[in-house]
Amino acid sequence: MKPKEILVIILLVTIAMLSFNCKLIMPQTEVETITEAEVIVDIPDILTPLASGTSILEIDQVIIDYSHTYYGYIMVKHIECASIDIKIVISKPNGVQHIYTLCPESGFDAFPLTGGDGTYSIKVLKHVEGTQYMELLSSSFDVVLTNEFDPFLHPNQMVRFSRDCAVVRKATELTTTLDNISDKISVIGNFIVSNVTYDDNLIDMRVSGYIPDVNNVLERGSGLCLDFSALMVAMLRSQNIPAKLVIGTAGELYHAWVEAHNGEEWIILDLTISGNPLTQRRIGEMDYTIEFIY
């Protein structure tokens, strides 16, 4: 298939913009040191995205597997050399676009369908020069989810985790004796704010297309609000608690936060503005505006 046109796209929000000046105010308590707990835990099964090959699109070394859209994700693989910049643009039923950069070395990567049921469109764009991108492919597909929570339980490119990773083990250790969902959410949130510090120095180190590495955040013990949020979402999802990584504005701050489902409703969890998960009263006083959901 020959490219039909050259597009000049303005990335709606590059993850490089996540300078998120939302400085953490740490609680006035002694910080607990993260250590490997000598505890035997029963690691839960993880909902792993699959590229089964039942329904695929392929163009110029890019493979799109949309076999499991009913679980709220598609899988995309870029098998060209790492020097070729490929963007994936996913438009949700409400028209909101999410723009992703494909990582050739990662194999199939999962991209969430967070707009609920409806028609999604996808474009594959190849960088030419400057801000010019060549459209390689444009297609659409209808999505009917088996469960409204499925997109928020699976790993994806922005929230990567697997059954054998340190983040899942730590989340399991923290919650293994708890039955109440709200208690699990609380203990995970409090663990993160007690063990991960906000690091202004990381702002200038962010590059275009930055993707959080939740295991590195846990090991390093520092990050920006996107790192905090991705870590918490990964820990919650690993315990079968639906959670959203949300990017938008909080007042005048460009910011990232978490929304988790406590079994009854979605609640906002903001780990880096307060130094403790904000109370729902404080949440109600904040002006949160959602731009992107992962």
Protein backbone atom coordinates (compact mmCIF):
# COMPACT_ATOMS: atom_id res chain seq x y z
CA MET A 1 0.00 0.00 0.00
CA LYS A 2 1.46 3.37 -1.01
CA PRO A 3 1.14 6.34 1.32
CA LYS A 4 -1.65 8.62 0.16
CA GLU A 5 -0.60 11.81 1.85
CA ILE A 6 1.90 13.60 4.02
CA LEU A 7 0.46 14.85 7.28
CA VAL A 8 1.82 17.58 9.49
CA ILE A 9 0.63 16.66 12.96
CA ILE A 10 0.85 18.59 16.16
CA LEU A 11 1.05 16.10 18.98
CA LEU A 12 -1.83 16.99 21.25
CA VAL A 13 0.21 16.23 24.31
CA THR A 14 3.65 14.69 24.23
CA ILE A 15 4.62 12.86 27.34
CA ALA A 16 7.71 15.07 27.30
CA MET A 17 5.44 17.86 28.52
CA LEU A 18 5.07 16.02 31.77
CA SER A 19 7.12 18.55 33.64
CA PHE A 20 4.07 18.38 35.93
CA ASN A 21 5.05 21.00 38.44
CA CYS A 22 3.04 19.29 41.16
CA LYS A 23 5.59 19.15 43.91
CA LEU A 24 5.15 16.52 46.57
CA ILE A 25 4.74 17.65 50.17
CA MET A 26 5.88 14.64 52.10
CA PRO A 27 4.14 13.72 55.37
CA GLN A 28 6.08 14.56 58.50
CA THR A 29 6.88 10.98 59.36
CA GLU A 30 9.96 8.84 59.13
CA VAL A 31 10.33 7.39 55.64
CA GLU A 32 10.24 3.62 55.51
CA THR A 33 13.07 1.96 53.59
CA ILE A 34 11.97 -0.43 50.88
CA THR A 35 13.37 -3.89 51.49
CA GLU A 36 12.64 -7.28 50.03
CA ALA A 37 10.18 -8.81 52.45
CA GLU A 38 10.86 -12.34 53.58
CA VAL A 39 7.26 -13.30 53.05
CA ILE A 40 5.76 -16.04 50.94
CA VAL A 41 2.86 -14.56 48.99
CA ASP A 42 0.44 -16.03 46.52
CA ILE A 43 0.92 -13.86 43.44
CA PRO A 44 -2.42 -13.39 41.64
CA ASP A 45 -2.99 -14.14 38.00
CA ILE A 46 -2.44 -11.10 35.78
CA LEU A 47 -4.69 -10.25 32.84
CA THR A 48 -2.08 -10.41 30.09
CA PRO A 49 -2.83 -8.76 26.70
CA LEU A 50 -2.60 -11.18 23.79
CA ALA A 51 -1.88 -10.84 20.08
CA SER A 52 -3.64 -13.97 18.86
CA GLY A 53 -3.65 -13.07 15.15
CA THR A 54 -7.39 -13.56 14.64
CA SER A 55 -7.91 -10.02 13.34
CA ILE A 56 -4.89 -8.08 12.05
CA LEU A 57 -3.85 -5.16 9.88
CA GLU A 58 -0.32 -4.95 8.50
CA ILE A 59 1.50 -2.18 6.67
CA ASP A 60 5.21 -1.42 6.20
CA GLN A 61 6.49 -3.54 9.08
CA VAL A 62 3.74 -2.41 11.46
CA ILE A 63 1.30 -5.07 12.64
CA ILE A 64 -1.95 -4.17 14.40
CA ASP A 65 -3.74 -7.02 16.17
CA TYR A 66 -7.30 -6.12 17.14
CA SER A 67 -8.43 -9.63 18.04
CA HIS A 68 -9.40 -8.71 21.60
CA THR A 69 -10.98 -5.26 21.41
CA TYR A 70 -13.79 -6.57 23.61
CA TYR A 71 -11.24 -6.63 26.46
CA GLY A 72 -10.41 -2.96 25.85
CA TYR A 73 -7.06 -3.05 24.05
CA ILE A 74 -5.30 -3.54 20.73
CA MET A 75 -1.78 -4.85 20.19
CA VAL A 76 0.70 -3.13 17.87
CA LYS A 77 4.17 -4.23 16.81
CA HIS A 78 6.84 -2.22 14.98
CA ILE A 79 9.53 -4.40 13.47
CA GLU A 80 11.55 -1.82 11.54
CA CYS A 81 14.83 -0.42 12.83
CA ALA A 82 14.83 1.73 15.93
CA SER A 83 15.75 4.86 13.97
CA ILE A 84 12.34 5.00 12.26
CA ASP A 85 9.77 7.02 14.20
CA ILE A 86 6.28 5.51 14.00
CA LYS A 87 3.25 7.08 15.66
CA ILE A 88 -0.07 5.40 16.40
CA VAL A 89 -3.08 7.71 16.63
CA ILE A 90 -6.15 6.19 18.28
CA SER A 91 -9.37 8.21 18.19
CA LYS A 92 -12.02 7.30 20.73
CA PRO A 93 -15.78 7.36 20.00
CA ASN A 94 -15.97 10.88 21.45
CA GLY A 95 -13.26 12.09 19.05
CA VAL A 96 -10.47 12.45 21.63
CA GLN A 97 -7.14 11.33 20.18
CA HIS A 98 -4.32 9.52 21.94
CA ILE A 99 -0.95 9.63 20.15
CA TYR A 100 1.66 6.98 20.93
CA THR A 101 5.22 6.30 19.83
CA LEU A 102 5.97 2.69 18.93
CA CYS A 103 9.03 1.06 20.49
CA PRO A 104 10.59 -1.44 18.04
CA GLU A 105 12.42 -3.34 20.77
CA SER A 106 9.29 -4.02 22.83
CA GLY A 107 7.58 -6.47 20.45
CA PHE A 108 3.80 -6.31 20.63
CA ASP A 109 2.69 -3.48 22.87
CA ALA A 110 -0.81 -3.01 24.29
CA PHE A 111 -2.74 0.20 23.72
CA PRO A 112 -5.93 0.77 25.72
CA LEU A 113 -9.39 1.54 24.37
CA THR A 114 -10.61 3.76 27.18
CA GLY A 115 -13.63 5.38 25.54
CA GLY A 116 -16.12 2.60 26.22
CA ASP A 117 -18.28 1.02 23.52
CA GLY A 118 -18.34 2.59 20.06
CA THR A 119 -16.31 3.13 16.92
CA TYR A 120 -12.58 3.73 17.23
CA SER A 121 -10.28 4.82 14.43
CA ILE A 122 -6.57 4.19 14.14
CA LYS A 123 -3.86 5.75 11.99
CA VAL A 124 -0.26 4.69 11.50
CA LEU A 125 2.08 7.59 10.78
CA LYS A 126 5.74 7.42 9.73
CA HIS A 127 8.07 10.33 10.38
CA VAL A 128 9.45 12.07 7.28
CA GLU A 129 11.16 15.22 8.57
CA GLY A 130 10.55 17.99 11.04
CA THR A 131 6.88 17.74 12.04
CA GLN A 132 5.91 15.91 8.86
CA TYR A 133 4.47 12.42 9.06
CA MET A 134 3.38 10.12 6.26
CA GLU A 135 0.09 8.30 6.75
CA LEU A 136 0.67 4.60 6.15
CA LEU A 137 -2.68 3.26 7.25
CA SER A 138 -6.09 4.43 8.41
CA SER A 139 -8.82 2.12 9.64
CA SER A 140 -11.67 1.85 12.13
CA PHE A 141 -13.34 -0.85 14.19
CA ASP A 142 -16.36 -1.17 16.46
CA VAL A 143 -15.87 -2.08 20.10
CA VAL A 144 -18.32 -3.70 22.50
CA LEU A 145 -16.64 -4.37 25.84
CA THR A 146 -17.38 -7.55 27.78
CA ASN A 147 -16.92 -5.51 30.97
CA GLU A 148 -16.58 -1.76 31.48
CA PHE A 149 -13.60 -2.34 33.77
CA ASP A 150 -11.52 -4.48 31.38
CA PRO A 151 -9.49 -1.59 29.88
CA PHE A 152 -8.48 -0.61 33.41
CA LEU A 153 -7.33 -4.03 34.58
CA HIS A 154 -4.86 -4.96 31.82
CA PRO A 155 -1.27 -3.74 31.48
CA ASN A 156 -0.60 -1.35 28.59
CA GLN A 157 2.23 0.76 27.19
CA MET A 158 1.87 3.44 29.86
CA VAL A 159 1.26 1.00 32.74
CA ARG A 160 3.57 -1.97 32.20
CA PHE A 161 3.74 -4.82 34.67
CA SER A 162 3.87 -8.62 34.66
CA ARG A 163 3.20 -11.37 37.15
CA ASP A 164 6.86 -11.87 38.08
CA CYS A 165 7.81 -8.20 38.55
CA ALA A 166 8.71 -6.49 41.83
CA VAL A 167 5.73 -4.13 41.70
CA VAL A 168 3.23 -6.99 41.64
CA ARG A 169 5.02 -8.78 44.46
CA LYS A 170 5.04 -5.67 46.63
CA ALA A 171 1.34 -4.97 45.98
CA THR A 172 0.53 -8.56 46.90
CA GLU A 173 2.58 -8.37 50.10
CA LEU A 174 0.78 -5.19 51.13
CA THR A 175 -2.72 -6.50 50.50
CA THR A 176 -2.52 -10.23 51.11
CA THR A 177 -4.25 -10.04 54.52
CA LEU A 178 -6.89 -7.51 53.42
CA ASP A 179 -10.34 -8.25 52.03
CA ASN A 180 -11.85 -4.79 51.71
CA ILE A 181 -11.11 -3.02 48.41
CA SER A 182 -10.96 0.44 50.01
CA ASP A 183 -8.42 -0.85 52.53
CA LYS A 184 -6.27 -2.23 49.71
CA ILE A 185 -6.41 1.08 47.85
CA SER A 186 -5.47 2.97 51.00
CA VAL A 187 -2.55 0.76 52.00
CA ILE A 188 -1.05 0.89 48.49
CA GLY A 189 -1.42 4.67 48.29
CA ASN A 190 0.12 5.23 51.71
CA PHE A 191 3.00 2.88 50.92
CA ILE A 192 3.85 4.87 47.79
CA VAL A 193 3.82 8.30 49.44
CA SER A 194 5.91 6.94 52.33
CA ASN A 195 8.53 5.36 50.07
CA VAL A 196 8.72 7.40 46.87
CA THR A 197 9.82 11.03 46.83
CA TYR A 198 9.03 13.72 44.28
CA ASP A 199 12.21 14.64 42.39
CA ASP A 200 12.30 18.01 40.59
CA ASN A 201 15.60 17.04 38.98
CA LEU A 202 13.81 14.50 36.81
CA ILE A 203 11.80 17.21 35.01
CA ASP A 204 14.64 18.18 32.69
CA MET A 205 15.52 14.54 32.02
CA ARG A 206 12.19 13.71 30.40
CA VAL A 207 12.32 13.15 26.65
CA SER A 208 9.61 13.03 24.01
CA GLY A 209 7.56 9.88 24.29
CA TYR A 210 8.54 9.21 27.90
CA ILE A 211 7.00 5.99 29.22
CA PRO A 212 7.04 5.28 32.98
CA ASP A 213 8.93 2.20 34.16
CA VAL A 214 7.08 1.30 37.33
CA ASN A 215 9.68 -1.18 38.53
CA ASN A 216 12.42 1.43 38.19
CA VAL A 217 10.29 3.95 40.07
CA LEU A 218 9.84 1.48 42.92
CA GLU A 219 13.53 0.59 42.99
CA ARG A 220 14.74 4.19 42.64
CA GLY A 221 12.23 5.54 45.14
CA SER A 222 11.65 8.80 43.28
CA GLY A 223 9.72 10.20 40.37
CA LEU A 224 7.29 12.79 39.05
CA CYS A 225 3.52 12.66 39.33
CA LEU A 226 3.26 10.52 36.20
CA ASP A 227 5.62 7.99 37.79
CA PHE A 228 3.68 7.97 41.07
CA SER A 229 0.40 7.50 39.23
CA ALA A 230 1.63 4.76 36.89
CA LEU A 231 3.11 2.89 39.86
CA MET A 232 -0.14 3.02 41.83
CA VAL A 233 -2.24 2.00 38.82
CA ALA A 234 0.03 -0.98 38.17
CA MET A 235 -0.15 -2.08 41.81
CA LEU A 236 -3.93 -1.74 41.92
CA ARG A 237 -4.54 -3.53 38.63
CA SER A 238 -2.27 -6.36 39.71
CA GLN A 239 -4.70 -6.93 42.59
CA ASN A 240 -7.70 -6.91 40.24
CA ILE A 241 -8.76 -3.40 41.28
CA PRO A 242 -9.81 -1.28 38.28
CA ALA A 243 -7.63 1.83 38.02
CA LYS A 244 -7.09 4.62 35.51
CA LEU A 245 -3.93 6.60 34.83
CA VAL A 246 -5.29 10.09 34.13
CA ILE A 247 -3.47 13.07 32.60
CA GLY A 248 -4.92 16.55 32.53
CA THR A 249 -4.96 19.66 34.68
CA ALA A 250 -5.49 20.20 38.39
CA GLY A 251 -6.16 23.89 38.72
CA GLU A 252 -3.35 25.44 36.69
CA LEU A 253 -1.01 22.45 37.02
CA TYR A 254 -0.43 20.02 34.18
CA HIS A 255 -0.74 16.87 36.18
CA ALA A 256 -1.23 13.10 36.43
CA TRP A 257 -3.38 11.31 38.97
CA VAL A 258 -5.23 8.04 39.60
CA GLU A 259 -8.87 7.05 39.55
CA ALA A 260 -9.68 3.74 41.23
CA HIS A 261 -12.94 1.84 41.59
CA ASN A 262 -13.64 0.91 45.21
CA GLY A 263 -16.43 -1.53 44.35
CA GLU A 264 -19.07 1.17 44.37
CA GLU A 265 -17.71 4.20 42.51
CA TRP A 266 -14.66 5.76 40.89
CA ILE A 267 -12.62 7.85 43.33
CA ILE A 268 -9.70 10.19 42.62
CA LEU A 269 -6.37 9.46 44.28
CA ASP A 270 -3.79 12.22 44.00
CA LEU A 271 -0.46 11.22 45.53
CA THR A 272 1.79 14.18 44.77
CA ILE A 273 -0.14 17.33 45.63
CA SER A 274 -0.83 16.52 49.27
CA GLY A 275 1.85 14.05 50.30
CA ASN A 276 -0.97 11.70 51.30
CA PRO A 277 -3.88 10.47 49.20
CA LEU A 278 -6.27 13.42 49.22
CA THR A 279 -9.51 13.09 51.12
CA GLN A 280 -12.65 13.13 49.01
CA ARG A 281 -13.51 16.54 50.50
CA ARG A 282 -10.22 17.97 49.25
CA ILE A 283 -10.71 16.24 45.91
CA GLY A 284 -14.04 18.02 45.55
CA GLU A 285 -12.29 21.35 46.05
CA MET A 286 -9.76 20.72 43.27
CA ASP A 287 -10.49 21.60 39.65
CA TYR A 288 -9.55 18.40 37.81
CA THR A 289 -9.94 18.39 34.02
CA ILE A 290 -9.28 15.12 32.21
CA GLU A 291 -7.44 15.12 28.88
CA PHE A 292 -6.17 11.56 28.54
CA ILE A 293 -6.95 8.24 30.20
CA TYR A 294 -4.68 5.20 30.02
